[in-house]
Amino acid sequence: MFEKFLKRWPLRLFLKKISWLMVAMTGILLVVLTGLSVYGNSVGDLVITIDDLTIRALALSETGKFEKSDSTTMLAAEGIKDVRDSTYAYLPEDIREGDGLKSDYENNMWFAYSFYVKNMSNVSVSYSGIFKFEQRTKGIDGAVRVMVLVDDEPPVIFARPKKDGTPEELIANGGTIKKGYRTTPITEDEIEIYAIEAAEIGLITKFTIVIWLEGWDEDCIDDIVGGQLEASVTFKINV
């Protein structure tokens, strides 16, 4: 079975006709909503917004300085056109370093964006991040990996479970699979990807979101070409 699976790998390496309207964020009462879309040959943006109309508020920054010029309720980042499938081993070791957009525009193999969230309230707050599949076609969501990097914490990778209900995982074999990982399954259409019980006044947290199509996934086949996906990540203050 594994040999049969390996024969399909070259096919997955050349899925070049999938494009990502990567992410769109809108705010709904201290909510950061991230939308991810995969459309035919279109290219999109990552837009992050926060509604700060209450005494409890979060702010966004692409640099982390939160000066008047860059402390905002909206951020935007260009998406990727004609994204190809990839794998965890292809991601740069320093992908969390630096700020802003750092997607692979040369080979179109992953989307990555770093930004900062600051507690602008005059009290400590609890907030969480929820990832949700809003829309998907052709089973594209079965091959998607969403990696969340928070400050210097270890990466957490989320994915749809296997057909038998067990979590997706990739085991390094010292040869063709050079770097393995385990995933936290997205069993429903949404899952909590981040939570903090008490963000202190002024606390700044750096987030890096990386999204790719996993070429070793059994769902990463030609049938998903032209598939569409819309998803959201909502950072919400818990009251």
C-alpha atoms as a PDB file:
ATOM      1  CA  MET A   1       0.000   0.000   0.000  1.00  0.00           C
ATOM      2  CA  PHE A   2       2.836   2.368   0.843  1.00  0.00           C
ATOM      3  CA  GLU A   3       4.539   1.687  -2.497  1.00  0.00           C
ATOM      4  CA  LYS A   4       1.267   2.463  -4.272  1.00  0.00           C
ATOM      5  CA  PHE A   5       1.047   5.677  -2.272  1.00  0.00           C
ATOM      6  CA  LEU A   6       4.577   6.678  -3.201  1.00  0.00           C
ATOM      7  CA  LYS A   7       3.794   6.278  -6.890  1.00  0.00           C
ATOM      8  CA  ARG A   8       1.173   9.002  -6.537  1.00  0.00           C
ATOM      9  CA  TRP A   9       3.653  11.433  -4.989  1.00  0.00           C
ATOM     10  CA  PRO A  10       5.094  12.823  -8.269  1.00  0.00           C
ATOM     11  CA  LEU A  11       1.561  13.585  -9.429  1.00  0.00           C
ATOM     12  CA  ARG A  12       0.944  15.562  -6.265  1.00  0.00           C
ATOM     13  CA  LEU A  13       4.149  17.522  -6.671  1.00  0.00           C
ATOM     14  CA  PHE A  14       2.825  18.990  -9.899  1.00  0.00           C
ATOM     15  CA  LEU A  15      -0.640  20.140  -8.907  1.00  0.00           C
ATOM     16  CA  LYS A  16      -0.009  23.636 -10.214  1.00  0.00           C
ATOM     17  CA  LYS A  17      -3.475  24.821 -11.140  1.00  0.00           C
ATOM     18  CA  ILE A  18      -4.862  25.603  -7.696  1.00  0.00           C
ATOM     19  CA  SER A  19      -4.992  29.242  -6.581  1.00  0.00           C
ATOM     20  CA  TRP A  20      -5.583  30.716  -3.166  1.00  0.00           C
ATOM     21  CA  LEU A  21      -7.590  33.768  -2.320  1.00  0.00           C
ATOM     22  CA  MET A  22      -5.792  33.282   0.915  1.00  0.00           C
ATOM     23  CA  VAL A  23      -7.437  35.015   3.820  1.00  0.00           C
ATOM     24  CA  ALA A  24      -9.952  37.751   4.598  1.00  0.00           C
ATOM     25  CA  MET A  25     -10.614  39.103   8.071  1.00  0.00           C
ATOM     26  CA  THR A  26     -13.552  41.169   9.260  1.00  0.00           C
ATOM     27  CA  GLY A  27     -14.354  42.291  12.782  1.00  0.00           C
ATOM     28  CA  ILE A  28     -17.499  41.578  14.751  1.00  0.00           C
ATOM     29  CA  LEU A  29     -17.277  42.990  18.281  1.00  0.00           C
ATOM     30  CA  LEU A  30     -13.649  42.339  19.114  1.00  0.00           C
ATOM     31  CA  VAL A  31     -13.475  39.527  16.606  1.00  0.00           C
ATOM     32  CA  VAL A  32     -10.721  39.056  14.064  1.00  0.00           C
ATOM     33  CA  LEU A  33     -12.241  37.023  11.251  1.00  0.00           C
ATOM     34  CA  THR A  34      -9.911  35.400   8.761  1.00  0.00           C
ATOM     35  CA  GLY A  35     -11.278  34.094   5.503  1.00  0.00           C
ATOM     36  CA  LEU A  36      -9.330  31.709   3.269  1.00  0.00           C
ATOM     37  CA  SER A  37     -10.479  31.010  -0.271  1.00  0.00           C
ATOM     38  CA  VAL A  38      -9.103  28.841  -3.026  1.00  0.00           C
ATOM     39  CA  TYR A  39     -10.434  29.807  -6.449  1.00  0.00           C
ATOM     40  CA  GLY A  40      -9.591  28.879 -10.040  1.00  0.00           C
ATOM     41  CA  ASN A  41      -6.961  31.353 -11.202  1.00  0.00           C
ATOM     42  CA  SER A  42      -7.642  34.268  -8.905  1.00  0.00           C
ATOM     43  CA  VAL A  43      -5.361  35.927  -6.402  1.00  0.00           C
ATOM     44  CA  GLY A  44      -6.511  37.395  -3.125  1.00  0.00           C
ATOM     45  CA  ASP A  45      -5.599  39.227   0.028  1.00  0.00           C
ATOM     46  CA  LEU A  46      -5.262  38.623   3.714  1.00  0.00           C
ATOM     47  CA  VAL A  47      -7.311  41.264   5.511  1.00  0.00           C
ATOM     48  CA  ILE A  48      -7.395  41.467   9.302  1.00  0.00           C
ATOM     49  CA  THR A  49      -9.757  43.782  11.172  1.00  0.00           C
ATOM     50  CA  ILE A  50     -10.821  44.390  14.752  1.00  0.00           C
ATOM     51  CA  ASP A  51     -13.903  46.179  16.029  1.00  0.00           C
ATOM     52  CA  ASP A  52     -12.724  48.080  19.135  1.00  0.00           C
ATOM     53  CA  LEU A  53     -15.946  49.786  20.179  1.00  0.00           C
ATOM     54  CA  THR A  54     -15.877  48.617  23.802  1.00  0.00           C
ATOM     55  CA  ILE A  55     -13.602  49.231  26.791  1.00  0.00           C
ATOM     56  CA  ARG A  56     -12.065  45.825  26.152  1.00  0.00           C
ATOM     57  CA  ALA A  57     -10.092  46.021  22.950  1.00  0.00           C
ATOM     58  CA  LEU A  58      -7.440  44.305  20.875  1.00  0.00           C
ATOM     59  CA  ALA A  59      -5.232  45.992  18.302  1.00  0.00           C
ATOM     60  CA  LEU A  60      -3.270  44.702  15.333  1.00  0.00           C
ATOM     61  CA  SER A  61       0.168  45.549  14.012  1.00  0.00           C
ATOM     62  CA  GLU A  62       2.356  44.100  11.291  1.00  0.00           C
ATOM     63  CA  THR A  63       5.553  45.325  12.974  1.00  0.00           C
ATOM     64  CA  GLY A  64       4.749  44.826  16.647  1.00  0.00           C
ATOM     65  CA  LYS A  65       5.647  48.427  17.499  1.00  0.00           C
ATOM     66  CA  PHE A  66       2.044  49.542  17.928  1.00  0.00           C
ATOM     67  CA  GLU A  67       2.931  53.124  17.252  1.00  0.00           C
ATOM     68  CA  LYS A  68       0.175  55.437  16.092  1.00  0.00           C
ATOM     69  CA  SER A  69       1.158  54.910  12.485  1.00  0.00           C
ATOM     70  CA  ASP A  70       0.903  51.119  12.533  1.00  0.00           C
ATOM     71  CA  SER A  71      -1.506  50.249  15.357  1.00  0.00           C
ATOM     72  CA  THR A  72      -4.667  49.409  13.500  1.00  0.00           C
ATOM     73  CA  THR A  73      -7.871  47.427  13.340  1.00  0.00           C
ATOM     74  CA  MET A  74      -7.120  46.156   9.840  1.00  0.00           C
ATOM     75  CA  LEU A  75      -4.205  44.431   8.128  1.00  0.00           C
ATOM     76  CA  ALA A  76      -4.019  43.131   4.571  1.00  0.00           C
ATOM     77  CA  ALA A  77      -1.665  40.698   2.815  1.00  0.00           C
ATOM     78  CA  GLU A  78      -1.575  39.499  -0.784  1.00  0.00           C
ATOM     79  CA  GLY A  79      -2.455  35.854  -1.422  1.00  0.00           C
ATOM     80  CA  ILE A  80      -0.851  33.260  -3.705  1.00  0.00           C
ATOM     81  CA  LYS A  81      -1.730  32.470  -7.320  1.00  0.00           C
ATOM     82  CA  ASP A  82      -1.610  28.899  -8.692  1.00  0.00           C
ATOM     83  CA  VAL A  83      -0.514  27.309  -5.425  1.00  0.00           C
ATOM     84  CA  ARG A  84       1.203  23.915  -5.649  1.00  0.00           C
ATOM     85  CA  ASP A  85       1.166  21.157  -3.084  1.00  0.00           C
ATOM     86  CA  SER A  86       4.001  21.054  -0.571  1.00  0.00           C
ATOM     87  CA  THR A  87       5.023  19.323   2.641  1.00  0.00           C
ATOM     88  CA  TYR A  88       6.250  20.256   6.105  1.00  0.00           C
ATOM     89  CA  ALA A  89       9.908  19.613   5.285  1.00  0.00           C
ATOM     90  CA  TYR A  90       9.819  22.281   2.585  1.00  0.00           C
ATOM     91  CA  LEU A  91       8.932  25.079   5.013  1.00  0.00           C
ATOM     92  CA  PRO A  92      11.854  27.320   6.045  1.00  0.00           C
ATOM     93  CA  GLU A  93      13.197  26.721   9.545  1.00  0.00           C
ATOM     94  CA  ASP A  94      12.992  30.452  10.227  1.00  0.00           C
ATOM     95  CA  ILE A  95       9.480  30.924   8.877  1.00  0.00           C
ATOM     96  CA  ARG A  96       8.338  32.608  12.085  1.00  0.00           C
ATOM     97  CA  GLU A  97      11.141  35.173  11.901  1.00  0.00           C
ATOM     98  CA  GLY A  98      10.427  38.646  10.594  1.00  0.00           C
ATOM     99  CA  ASP A  99       7.118  40.404  10.149  1.00  0.00           C
ATOM    100  CA  GLY A 100       4.325  40.532   7.652  1.00  0.00           C
ATOM    101  CA  LEU A 101       3.991  38.523   4.477  1.00  0.00           C
ATOM    102  CA  LYS A 102       6.518  35.775   3.821  1.00  0.00           C
ATOM    103  CA  SER A 103       4.679  33.482   1.396  1.00  0.00           C
ATOM    104  CA  ASP A 104       6.531  31.421  -1.201  1.00  0.00           C
ATOM    105  CA  TYR A 105       5.880  33.460  -4.338  1.00  0.00           C
ATOM    106  CA  GLU A 106       8.762  31.828  -6.211  1.00  0.00           C
ATOM    107  CA  ASN A 107       7.433  28.260  -6.120  1.00  0.00           C
ATOM    108  CA  ASN A 108       3.873  28.963  -4.890  1.00  0.00           C
ATOM    109  CA  MET A 109       4.053  26.257  -2.246  1.00  0.00           C
ATOM    110  CA  TRP A 110       2.861  27.919   0.956  1.00  0.00           C
ATOM    111  CA  PHE A 111       1.227  30.996   2.420  1.00  0.00           C
ATOM    112  CA  ALA A 112       2.727  32.562   5.546  1.00  0.00           C
ATOM    113  CA  TYR A 113       1.951  35.782   7.374  1.00  0.00           C
ATOM    114  CA  SER A 114       3.099  37.148  10.732  1.00  0.00           C
ATOM    115  CA  PHE A 115       1.258  39.793  12.708  1.00  0.00           C
ATOM    116  CA  TYR A 116       0.808  40.918  16.296  1.00  0.00           C
ATOM    117  CA  VAL A 117      -2.156  41.218  18.643  1.00  0.00           C
ATOM    118  CA  LYS A 118      -2.019  43.560  21.637  1.00  0.00           C
ATOM    119  CA  ASN A 119      -4.356  43.843  24.593  1.00  0.00           C
ATOM    120  CA  MET A 120      -5.255  47.531  24.515  1.00  0.00           C
ATOM    121  CA  SER A 121      -7.693  47.217  27.421  1.00  0.00           C
ATOM    122  CA  ASN A 122      -7.149  48.620  30.894  1.00  0.00           C
ATOM    123  CA  VAL A 123      -7.762  45.155  32.344  1.00  0.00           C
ATOM    124  CA  SER A 124      -6.477  41.654  31.672  1.00  0.00           C
ATOM    125  CA  VAL A 125      -8.573  39.798  29.133  1.00  0.00           C
ATOM    126  CA  SER A 126      -9.147  36.241  28.034  1.00  0.00           C
ATOM    127  CA  TYR A 127      -9.379  35.619  24.322  1.00  0.00           C
ATOM    128  CA  SER A 128      -9.294  32.703  21.937  1.00  0.00           C
ATOM    129  CA  GLY A 129      -8.825  31.964  18.269  1.00  0.00           C
ATOM    130  CA  ILE A 130     -11.265  29.780  16.344  1.00  0.00           C
ATOM    131  CA  PHE A 131     -10.543  28.299  12.931  1.00  0.00           C
ATOM    132  CA  LYS A 132     -13.616  27.503  10.847  1.00  0.00           C
ATOM    133  CA  PHE A 133     -14.248  26.082   7.405  1.00  0.00           C
ATOM    134  CA  GLU A 134     -16.889  28.350   5.922  1.00  0.00           C
ATOM    135  CA  GLN A 135     -17.084  26.770   2.465  1.00  0.00           C
ATOM    136  CA  ARG A 136     -15.238  24.037   0.569  1.00  0.00           C
ATOM    137  CA  THR A 137     -15.609  22.145  -2.702  1.00  0.00           C
ATOM    138  CA  LYS A 138     -13.988  19.128  -4.339  1.00  0.00           C
ATOM    139  CA  GLY A 139     -12.656  17.940  -0.973  1.00  0.00           C
ATOM    140  CA  ILE A 140      -9.904  20.559  -0.959  1.00  0.00           C
ATOM    141  CA  ASP A 141     -10.096  20.902   2.823  1.00  0.00           C
ATOM    142  CA  GLY A 142      -8.975  17.296   3.214  1.00  0.00           C
ATOM    143  CA  ALA A 143      -5.458  18.176   2.032  1.00  0.00           C
ATOM    144  CA  VAL A 144      -5.049  21.550   3.751  1.00  0.00           C
ATOM    145  CA  ARG A 145      -2.665  22.026   6.667  1.00  0.00           C
ATOM    146  CA  VAL A 146      -2.921  25.055   8.947  1.00  0.00           C
ATOM    147  CA  MET A 147       0.095  25.661  11.161  1.00  0.00           C
ATOM    148  CA  VAL A 148      -0.175  28.174  13.980  1.00  0.00           C
ATOM    149  CA  LEU A 149       2.967  29.625  15.538  1.00  0.00           C
ATOM    150  CA  VAL A 150       2.518  31.753  18.663  1.00  0.00           C
ATOM    151  CA  ASP A 151       5.573  33.652  19.919  1.00  0.00           C
ATOM    152  CA  ASP A 152       8.290  31.034  20.546  1.00  0.00           C
ATOM    153  CA  GLU A 153       5.908  28.191  21.349  1.00  0.00           C
ATOM    154  CA  PRO A 154       6.164  24.900  19.416  1.00  0.00           C
ATOM    155  CA  PRO A 155       4.150  24.772  16.197  1.00  0.00           C
ATOM    156  CA  VAL A 156       0.665  23.309  16.217  1.00  0.00           C
ATOM    157  CA  ILE A 157      -0.649  21.876  12.953  1.00  0.00           C
ATOM    158  CA  PHE A 158      -4.339  21.363  12.261  1.00  0.00           C
ATOM    159  CA  ALA A 159      -5.914  19.168   9.600  1.00  0.00           C
ATOM    160  CA  ARG A 160      -8.981  17.186   8.707  1.00  0.00           C
ATOM    161  CA  PRO A 161      -8.720  13.644  10.129  1.00  0.00           C
ATOM    162  CA  LYS A 162      -8.183  10.567   7.989  1.00  0.00           C
ATOM    163  CA  LYS A 163     -11.136   8.715   6.537  1.00  0.00           C
ATOM    164  CA  ASP A 164     -11.030   6.294   9.492  1.00  0.00           C
ATOM    165  CA  GLY A 165     -11.330   9.218  11.918  1.00  0.00           C
ATOM    166  CA  THR A 166      -7.766   9.119  13.231  1.00  0.00           C
ATOM    167  CA  PRO A 167      -5.559  12.243  13.169  1.00  0.00           C
ATOM    168  CA  GLU A 168      -3.413  12.860  10.114  1.00  0.00           C
ATOM    169  CA  GLU A 169       0.297  12.338  10.678  1.00  0.00           C
ATOM    170  CA  LEU A 170       3.425  12.098   8.590  1.00  0.00           C
ATOM    171  CA  ILE A 171       6.200   9.792   9.750  1.00  0.00           C
ATOM    172  CA  ALA A 172       9.744  10.614   8.703  1.00  0.00           C
ATOM    173  CA  ASN A 173      11.453   7.609   7.100  1.00  0.00           C
ATOM    174  CA  GLY A 174      14.920   9.010   6.535  1.00  0.00           C
ATOM    175  CA  GLY A 175      14.378   8.956   2.795  1.00  0.00           C
ATOM    176  CA  THR A 176      11.526  10.433   0.787  1.00  0.00           C
ATOM    177  CA  ILE A 177       9.786  11.785   3.896  1.00  0.00           C
ATOM    178  CA  LYS A 178      12.446  13.866   5.599  1.00  0.00           C
ATOM    179  CA  LYS A 179      10.383  15.544   8.296  1.00  0.00           C
ATOM    180  CA  GLY A 180       7.287  14.229  10.020  1.00  0.00           C
ATOM    181  CA  TYR A 181       4.591  15.772  12.169  1.00  0.00           C
ATOM    182  CA  ARG A 182       1.325  15.050  13.926  1.00  0.00           C
ATOM    183  CA  THR A 183      -1.851  17.079  13.638  1.00  0.00           C
ATOM    184  CA  THR A 184      -4.752  18.152  15.784  1.00  0.00           C
ATOM    185  CA  PRO A 185      -7.869  17.063  13.896  1.00  0.00           C
ATOM    186  CA  ILE A 186     -10.565  19.458  12.721  1.00  0.00           C
ATOM    187  CA  THR A 187     -13.475  17.063  13.211  1.00  0.00           C
ATOM    188  CA  GLU A 188     -16.231  19.612  12.779  1.00  0.00           C
ATOM    189  CA  ASP A 189     -16.226  22.779  10.711  1.00  0.00           C
ATOM    190  CA  GLU A 190     -14.441  24.719  13.440  1.00  0.00           C
ATOM    191  CA  ILE A 191     -11.812  24.242  16.115  1.00  0.00           C
ATOM    192  CA  GLU A 192     -10.106  26.377  18.740  1.00  0.00           C
ATOM    193  CA  ILE A 193      -6.511  26.968  17.675  1.00  0.00           C
ATOM    194  CA  TYR A 194      -5.432  29.381  20.423  1.00  0.00           C
ATOM    195  CA  ALA A 195      -6.532  30.410  23.895  1.00  0.00           C
ATOM    196  CA  ILE A 196      -5.126  32.626  26.635  1.00  0.00           C
ATOM    197  CA  GLU A 197      -6.778  32.925  30.017  1.00  0.00           C
ATOM    198  CA  ALA A 198      -5.296  36.231  31.109  1.00  0.00           C
ATOM    199  CA  ALA A 199      -3.607  38.465  28.591  1.00  0.00           C
ATOM    200  CA  GLU A 200      -2.088  41.166  30.769  1.00  0.00           C
ATOM    201  CA  ILE A 201      -2.581  44.855  30.044  1.00  0.00           C
ATOM    202  CA  GLY A 202      -0.390  45.741  27.083  1.00  0.00           C
ATOM    203  CA  LEU A 203       0.557  42.129  26.296  1.00  0.00           C
ATOM    204  CA  ILE A 204       1.752  41.720  22.713  1.00  0.00           C
ATOM    205  CA  THR A 205       1.498  38.279  21.115  1.00  0.00           C
ATOM    206  CA  LYS A 206       3.012  37.370  17.769  1.00  0.00           C
ATOM    207  CA  PHE A 207       1.121  35.023  15.453  1.00  0.00           C
ATOM    208  CA  THR A 208       2.385  33.351  12.313  1.00  0.00           C
ATOM    209  CA  ILE A 209      -0.145  31.456  10.214  1.00  0.00           C
ATOM    210  CA  VAL A 210       1.165  29.051   7.585  1.00  0.00           C
ATOM    211  CA  ILE A 211      -1.135  27.252   5.154  1.00  0.00           C
ATOM    212  CA  TRP A 212      -0.230  24.635   2.551  1.00  0.00           C
ATOM    213  CA  LEU A 213      -1.602  21.647   0.656  1.00  0.00           C
ATOM    214  CA  GLU A 214       0.039  18.497   2.017  1.00  0.00           C
ATOM    215  CA  GLY A 215       1.324  16.492  -0.950  1.00  0.00           C
ATOM    216  CA  TRP A 216       1.578  13.272   1.059  1.00  0.00           C
ATOM    217  CA  ASP A 217      -2.087  13.425   2.040  1.00  0.00           C
ATOM    218  CA  GLU A 218      -4.217  10.809   0.265  1.00  0.00           C
ATOM    219  CA  ASP A 219      -6.714  13.579  -0.536  1.00  0.00           C
ATOM    220  CA  CYS A 220      -4.115  15.626  -2.422  1.00  0.00           C
ATOM    221  CA  ILE A 221      -4.929  14.363  -5.917  1.00  0.00           C
ATOM    222  CA  ASP A 222      -5.901  15.899  -9.256  1.00  0.00           C
ATOM    223  CA  ASP A 223      -9.567  15.793  -8.266  1.00  0.00           C
ATOM    224  CA  ILE A 224      -9.054  18.820  -6.012  1.00  0.00           C
ATOM    225  CA  VAL A 225      -7.773  21.050  -8.821  1.00  0.00           C
ATOM    226  CA  GLY A 226     -10.098  24.041  -9.031  1.00  0.00           C
ATOM    227  CA  GLY A 227     -11.450  23.356  -5.553  1.00  0.00           C
ATOM    228  CA  GLN A 228     -12.702  26.235  -3.456  1.00  0.00           C
ATOM    229  CA  LEU A 229     -12.207  26.803   0.231  1.00  0.00           C
ATOM    230  CA  GLU A 230     -13.310  29.591   2.524  1.00  0.00           C
ATOM    231  CA  ALA A 231     -12.242  29.543   6.135  1.00  0.00           C
ATOM    232  CA  SER A 232     -11.993  31.916   9.044  1.00  0.00           C
ATOM    233  CA  VAL A 233      -9.882  32.438  12.135  1.00  0.00           C
ATOM    234  CA  THR A 234     -11.711  34.450  14.776  1.00  0.00           C
ATOM    235  CA  PHE A 235      -9.841  35.983  17.709  1.00  0.00           C
ATOM    236  CA  LYS A 236     -12.543  36.706  20.258  1.00  0.00           C
ATOM    237  CA  ILE A 237     -12.452  38.255  23.699  1.00  0.00           C
ATOM    238  CA  ASN A 238     -14.176  35.959  26.169  1.00  0.00           C
ATOM    239  CA  VAL A 239     -16.447  37.772  28.591  1.00  0.00           C
END
